[in-house]
Amino acid sequence: MEIAGRTERYWCPIKYANNLKEHHSQYSKFVDYLDAKNYRGKLGELRDFSDILETEKKIATLPRNKMNRKDVV
């Protein structure tokens, strides 16, 4: 699901018109449905995945028994 979320973040980071019960980790960063003005302004930021790289670096330094994403996010 994470790969799909990152792909969607790059190509079409727009929230769905209907509310979702569950969503991937990137969904909260998406632009609201029908918000074209903010979409154009935020697209470059959404295509910058440095926030994910920083999280992955933190995870890589955790001891094996503490590798829980909630510890670093």
C-alpha atoms as a PDB file:
ATOM      1  CA  MET A   1       0.000   0.000   0.000  1.00  0.00           C
ATOM      2  CA  GLU A   2       2.921   2.340   0.671  1.00  0.00           C
ATOM      3  CA  ILE A   3       4.188   2.119  -2.906  1.00  0.00           C
ATOM      4  CA  ALA A   4       0.726   2.975  -4.211  1.00  0.00           C
ATOM      5  CA  GLY A   5       0.543   5.936  -1.808  1.00  0.00           C
ATOM      6  CA  ARG A   6       3.854   7.348  -2.959  1.00  0.00           C
ATOM      7  CA  THR A   7       2.897   6.877  -6.594  1.00  0.00           C
ATOM      8  CA  GLU A   8      -0.418   8.620  -6.048  1.00  0.00           C
ATOM      9  CA  ARG A   9       1.355  11.425  -4.171  1.00  0.00           C
ATOM     10  CA  TYR A  10       3.581  12.051  -7.194  1.00  0.00           C
ATOM     11  CA  TRP A  11       1.025  11.744 -10.012  1.00  0.00           C
ATOM     12  CA  CYS A  12      -2.331  12.780  -8.560  1.00  0.00           C
ATOM     13  CA  PRO A  13      -2.206  14.047  -4.969  1.00  0.00           C
ATOM     14  CA  ILE A  14      -5.883  14.991  -4.680  1.00  0.00           C
ATOM     15  CA  LYS A  15      -8.139  13.749  -1.899  1.00  0.00           C
ATOM     16  CA  TYR A  16     -11.201  11.803  -2.975  1.00  0.00           C
ATOM     17  CA  ALA A  17     -14.629  13.463  -3.019  1.00  0.00           C
ATOM     18  CA  ASN A  18     -15.932  10.798  -0.630  1.00  0.00           C
ATOM     19  CA  ASN A  19     -14.334  10.207   2.764  1.00  0.00           C
ATOM     20  CA  LEU A  20     -12.251   7.067   3.066  1.00  0.00           C
ATOM     21  CA  LYS A  21     -12.356   4.768   6.086  1.00  0.00           C
ATOM     22  CA  GLU A  22      -8.712   3.829   5.589  1.00  0.00           C
ATOM     23  CA  HIS A  23      -5.939   5.437   3.601  1.00  0.00           C
ATOM     24  CA  HIS A  24      -2.180   5.253   3.113  1.00  0.00           C
ATOM     25  CA  SER A  25       0.392   7.331   4.968  1.00  0.00           C
ATOM     26  CA  GLN A  26       0.663   9.967   2.229  1.00  0.00           C
ATOM     27  CA  TYR A  27      -3.047  10.781   1.905  1.00  0.00           C
ATOM     28  CA  SER A  28      -3.126  13.454   4.622  1.00  0.00           C
ATOM     29  CA  LYS A  29      -0.640  15.532   2.586  1.00  0.00           C
ATOM     30  CA  PHE A  30      -2.917  15.601  -0.477  1.00  0.00           C
ATOM     31  CA  VAL A  31      -4.824  18.655  -1.670  1.00  0.00           C
ATOM     32  CA  ASP A  32      -8.570  18.751  -1.051  1.00  0.00           C
ATOM     33  CA  TYR A  33     -10.913  17.705  -3.835  1.00  0.00           C
ATOM     34  CA  LEU A  34     -11.747  20.614  -6.223  1.00  0.00           C
ATOM     35  CA  ASP A  35      -8.994  22.847  -4.777  1.00  0.00           C
ATOM     36  CA  ALA A  36      -7.212  23.642  -8.051  1.00  0.00           C
ATOM     37  CA  LYS A  37      -5.559  26.817  -6.725  1.00  0.00           C
ATOM     38  CA  ASN A  38      -3.707  25.028  -3.925  1.00  0.00           C
ATOM     39  CA  TYR A  39      -2.991  22.018  -6.134  1.00  0.00           C
ATOM     40  CA  ARG A  40      -0.869  24.050  -8.512  1.00  0.00           C
ATOM     41  CA  GLY A  41       0.967  25.747  -5.658  1.00  0.00           C
ATOM     42  CA  LYS A  42       1.582  22.595  -3.650  1.00  0.00           C
ATOM     43  CA  LEU A  43       2.472  20.168  -6.454  1.00  0.00           C
ATOM     44  CA  GLY A  44       6.224  20.837  -6.307  1.00  0.00           C
ATOM     45  CA  GLU A  45       6.259  20.302  -2.544  1.00  0.00           C
ATOM     46  CA  LEU A  46       4.303  17.063  -2.892  1.00  0.00           C
ATOM     47  CA  ARG A  47       6.762  15.725  -5.446  1.00  0.00           C
ATOM     48  CA  ASP A  48       9.657  16.352  -3.054  1.00  0.00           C
ATOM     49  CA  PHE A  49      10.017  13.132  -1.067  1.00  0.00           C
ATOM     50  CA  SER A  50      12.706  14.372   1.316  1.00  0.00           C
ATOM     51  CA  ASP A  51      10.292  13.967   4.255  1.00  0.00           C
ATOM     52  CA  ILE A  52      10.077  10.238   3.517  1.00  0.00           C
ATOM     53  CA  LEU A  53      13.851   9.939   3.178  1.00  0.00           C
ATOM     54  CA  GLU A  54      14.346  11.540   6.607  1.00  0.00           C
ATOM     55  CA  THR A  55      11.874   9.105   8.189  1.00  0.00           C
ATOM     56  CA  GLU A  56      13.559   6.137   6.534  1.00  0.00           C
ATOM     57  CA  LYS A  57      16.962   7.288   7.825  1.00  0.00           C
ATOM     58  CA  LYS A  58      15.565   7.455  11.371  1.00  0.00           C
ATOM     59  CA  ILE A  59      14.074   3.973  11.032  1.00  0.00           C
ATOM     60  CA  ALA A  60      17.386   2.587   9.790  1.00  0.00           C
ATOM     61  CA  THR A  61      19.142   3.777  12.957  1.00  0.00           C
ATOM     62  CA  LEU A  62      16.645   2.187  15.379  1.00  0.00           C
ATOM     63  CA  PRO A  63      17.502  -1.076  17.107  1.00  0.00           C
ATOM     64  CA  ARG A  64      15.658  -4.028  15.550  1.00  0.00           C
ATOM     65  CA  ASN A  65      13.322  -4.441  18.529  1.00  0.00           C
ATOM     66  CA  LYS A  66      12.141  -0.811  18.223  1.00  0.00           C
ATOM     67  CA  MET A  67      11.442  -0.656  14.497  1.00  0.00           C
ATOM     68  CA  ASN A  68       7.985   0.796  14.806  1.00  0.00           C
ATOM     69  CA  ARG A  69       7.105   3.696  12.510  1.00  0.00           C
ATOM     70  CA  LYS A  70       5.202   5.397  15.325  1.00  0.00           C
ATOM     71  CA  ASP A  71       8.531   5.889  17.113  1.00  0.00           C
ATOM     72  CA  VAL A  72       9.840   8.154  14.370  1.00  0.00           C
ATOM     73  CA  VAL A  73       6.847   9.748  12.712  1.00  0.00           C
END
